């Protein structure tokens, strides 16, 4: 089963957006960081203005792959360069399609 989690996050006054992470908490932190690009906001305040709910991963998200021979999971649908996390890790990295193999 994929460790990649997707959350739909709704902030007051904005439409809902989906964020992915190695955990639901990391996905929520990603939403806060995105929000902070436009507005100054502490994480504590963000928690009071944002609602979150787990949603299924979109097609192509959380798929098992191998990157340079190591087990990994896609963080987005595969394309020319694809964001991924290595199995057991949570730092998001990007690989060129030539570095990616299907499945574990």
C-alpha atoms as a PDB file:
ATOM      1  CA  UNK A   1       0.000   0.000   0.000  1.00  0.00           C
ATOM      2  CA  UNK A   2       1.226   3.481  -0.875  1.00  0.00           C
ATOM      3  CA  UNK A   3       2.504   5.679   1.947  1.00  0.00           C
ATOM      4  CA  UNK A   4       1.548   8.799  -0.039  1.00  0.00           C
ATOM      5  CA  UNK A   5      -1.458  10.613   1.443  1.00  0.00           C
ATOM      6  CA  UNK A   6      -3.675  13.262  -0.160  1.00  0.00           C
ATOM      7  CA  UNK A   7      -5.674  15.902   1.692  1.00  0.00           C
ATOM      8  CA  UNK A   8      -8.235  18.359   0.453  1.00  0.00           C
ATOM      9  CA  UNK A   9      -7.577  21.602   2.316  1.00  0.00           C
ATOM     10  CA  UNK A  10     -10.060  24.471   2.357  1.00  0.00           C
ATOM     11  CA  UNK A  11      -9.049  27.860   3.737  1.00  0.00           C
ATOM     12  CA  UNK A  12     -11.776  30.390   4.484  1.00  0.00           C
ATOM     13  CA  UNK A  13     -12.406  32.464   1.377  1.00  0.00           C
ATOM     14  CA  UNK A  14     -10.618  30.122  -1.054  1.00  0.00           C
ATOM     15  CA  UNK A  15     -11.671  27.044  -3.043  1.00  0.00           C
ATOM     16  CA  UNK A  16     -10.448  23.649  -1.822  1.00  0.00           C
ATOM     17  CA  UNK A  17      -7.070  22.381  -3.039  1.00  0.00           C
ATOM     18  CA  UNK A  18      -5.485  18.934  -2.841  1.00  0.00           C
ATOM     19  CA  UNK A  19      -2.028  18.483  -1.305  1.00  0.00           C
ATOM     20  CA  UNK A  20       0.033  15.294  -1.078  1.00  0.00           C
ATOM     21  CA  UNK A  21       2.715  14.214   1.349  1.00  0.00           C
ATOM     22  CA  UNK A  22       4.460  11.216   2.822  1.00  0.00           C
ATOM     23  CA  UNK A  23       1.913  11.578   5.648  1.00  0.00           C
ATOM     24  CA  UNK A  24      -1.335  13.509   6.018  1.00  0.00           C
ATOM     25  CA  UNK A  25       0.443  15.873   8.425  1.00  0.00           C
ATOM     26  CA  UNK A  26       3.139  16.633   5.847  1.00  0.00           C
ATOM     27  CA  UNK A  27       0.461  17.308   3.240  1.00  0.00           C
ATOM     28  CA  UNK A  28      -1.198  19.783   5.637  1.00  0.00           C
ATOM     29  CA  UNK A  29       2.133  21.497   6.336  1.00  0.00           C
ATOM     30  CA  UNK A  30       2.581  21.789   2.557  1.00  0.00           C
ATOM     31  CA  UNK A  31      -0.773  23.567   2.349  1.00  0.00           C
ATOM     32  CA  UNK A  32       0.310  26.008   5.089  1.00  0.00           C
ATOM     33  CA  UNK A  33       3.617  26.702   3.324  1.00  0.00           C
ATOM     34  CA  UNK A  34       1.776  27.373   0.069  1.00  0.00           C
ATOM     35  CA  UNK A  35      -0.592  29.759   1.882  1.00  0.00           C
ATOM     36  CA  UNK A  36       2.389  31.563   3.444  1.00  0.00           C
ATOM     37  CA  UNK A  37       3.707  32.456  -0.019  1.00  0.00           C
ATOM     38  CA  UNK A  38       0.905  35.025  -0.206  1.00  0.00           C
ATOM     39  CA  UNK A  39      -0.063  35.701   3.430  1.00  0.00           C
ATOM     40  CA  UNK A  40       1.862  35.886   6.687  1.00  0.00           C
ATOM     41  CA  UNK A  41       0.369  33.276   8.958  1.00  0.00           C
ATOM     42  CA  UNK A  42       1.542  31.164  11.866  1.00  0.00           C
ATOM     43  CA  UNK A  43       0.862  27.465  11.687  1.00  0.00           C
ATOM     44  CA  UNK A  44      -1.366  27.767  14.760  1.00  0.00           C
ATOM     45  CA  UNK A  45      -3.524  30.400  13.067  1.00  0.00           C
ATOM     46  CA  UNK A  46      -3.619  28.368   9.849  1.00  0.00           C
ATOM     47  CA  UNK A  47      -5.032  25.443  11.808  1.00  0.00           C
ATOM     48  CA  UNK A  48      -7.965  27.653  12.873  1.00  0.00           C
ATOM     49  CA  UNK A  49      -8.813  28.871   9.355  1.00  0.00           C
ATOM     50  CA  UNK A  50      -8.185  25.686   7.347  1.00  0.00           C
ATOM     51  CA  UNK A  51     -10.301  22.559   7.155  1.00  0.00           C
ATOM     52  CA  UNK A  52      -8.875  19.287   5.929  1.00  0.00           C
ATOM     53  CA  UNK A  53     -10.193  15.935   4.874  1.00  0.00           C
ATOM     54  CA  UNK A  54      -8.523  12.850   3.501  1.00  0.00           C
ATOM     55  CA  UNK A  55      -9.223  12.154  -0.169  1.00  0.00           C
ATOM     56  CA  UNK A  56      -8.111   9.322  -2.442  1.00  0.00           C
ATOM     57  CA  UNK A  57      -4.868   9.886  -4.326  1.00  0.00           C
ATOM     58  CA  UNK A  58      -5.383  11.161  -7.865  1.00  0.00           C
ATOM     59  CA  UNK A  59      -4.503   8.862 -10.757  1.00  0.00           C
ATOM     60  CA  UNK A  60      -0.736   8.509 -10.931  1.00  0.00           C
ATOM     61  CA  UNK A  61      -0.138   9.627  -7.318  1.00  0.00           C
ATOM     62  CA  UNK A  62       1.250   7.045  -4.903  1.00  0.00           C
ATOM     63  CA  UNK A  63       2.259   4.553  -7.581  1.00  0.00           C
ATOM     64  CA  UNK A  64       5.191   2.237  -6.852  1.00  0.00           C
ATOM     65  CA  UNK A  65       8.270   2.926  -8.973  1.00  0.00           C
ATOM     66  CA  UNK A  66      12.009   2.394  -8.807  1.00  0.00           C
ATOM     67  CA  UNK A  67      14.339   5.377  -9.137  1.00  0.00           C
ATOM     68  CA  UNK A  68      17.964   4.538  -9.835  1.00  0.00           C
ATOM     69  CA  UNK A  69      17.229   1.012  -8.612  1.00  0.00           C
ATOM     70  CA  UNK A  70      15.635   2.053  -5.282  1.00  0.00           C
ATOM     71  CA  UNK A  71      11.977   1.588  -4.273  1.00  0.00           C
ATOM     72  CA  UNK A  72      10.002   4.831  -4.458  1.00  0.00           C
ATOM     73  CA  UNK A  73       6.476   6.278  -4.744  1.00  0.00           C
ATOM     74  CA  UNK A  74       5.178   8.941  -7.126  1.00  0.00           C
ATOM     75  CA  UNK A  75       3.977  12.229  -5.634  1.00  0.00           C
ATOM     76  CA  UNK A  76       2.387  13.310  -8.915  1.00  0.00           C
ATOM     77  CA  UNK A  77       1.412  11.638 -12.196  1.00  0.00           C
ATOM     78  CA  UNK A  78       4.478  10.547 -14.152  1.00  0.00           C
ATOM     79  CA  UNK A  79       5.760  12.979 -16.730  1.00  0.00           C
ATOM     80  CA  UNK A  80       9.109  14.060 -18.199  1.00  0.00           C
ATOM     81  CA  UNK A  81      10.356  14.812 -14.662  1.00  0.00           C
ATOM     82  CA  UNK A  82       8.393  13.338 -11.766  1.00  0.00           C
ATOM     83  CA  UNK A  83       8.278  14.190  -8.052  1.00  0.00           C
ATOM     84  CA  UNK A  84       8.701  11.132  -5.838  1.00  0.00           C
ATOM     85  CA  UNK A  85       9.707   9.932  -2.382  1.00  0.00           C
ATOM     86  CA  UNK A  86      11.990   6.994  -1.726  1.00  0.00           C
ATOM     87  CA  UNK A  87      10.417   4.127   0.207  1.00  0.00           C
ATOM     88  CA  UNK A  88      10.709   4.808   3.949  1.00  0.00           C
ATOM     89  CA  UNK A  89      11.702   8.447   3.465  1.00  0.00           C
ATOM     90  CA  UNK A  90       9.678  11.625   3.175  1.00  0.00           C
ATOM     91  CA  UNK A  91      11.863  14.149   1.334  1.00  0.00           C
ATOM     92  CA  UNK A  92      10.272  14.927  -2.029  1.00  0.00           C
ATOM     93  CA  UNK A  93      12.737  14.658  -4.910  1.00  0.00           C
ATOM     94  CA  UNK A  94      12.461  14.890  -8.695  1.00  0.00           C
ATOM     95  CA  UNK A  95      13.703  12.318 -11.203  1.00  0.00           C
ATOM     96  CA  UNK A  96      14.027  12.433 -14.979  1.00  0.00           C
ATOM     97  CA  UNK A  97      11.887   9.824 -16.738  1.00  0.00           C
ATOM     98  CA  UNK A  98      15.029   7.945 -17.796  1.00  0.00           C
ATOM     99  CA  UNK A  99      15.834   7.275 -14.101  1.00  0.00           C
ATOM    100  CA  UNK A 100      12.407   5.706 -13.398  1.00  0.00           C
ATOM    101  CA  UNK A 101      11.342   2.071 -13.756  1.00  0.00           C
ATOM    102  CA  UNK A 102       7.834   0.673 -13.195  1.00  0.00           C
ATOM    103  CA  UNK A 103       6.880  -1.056  -9.947  1.00  0.00           C
ATOM    104  CA  UNK A 104       8.851  -2.358  -7.020  1.00  0.00           C
END
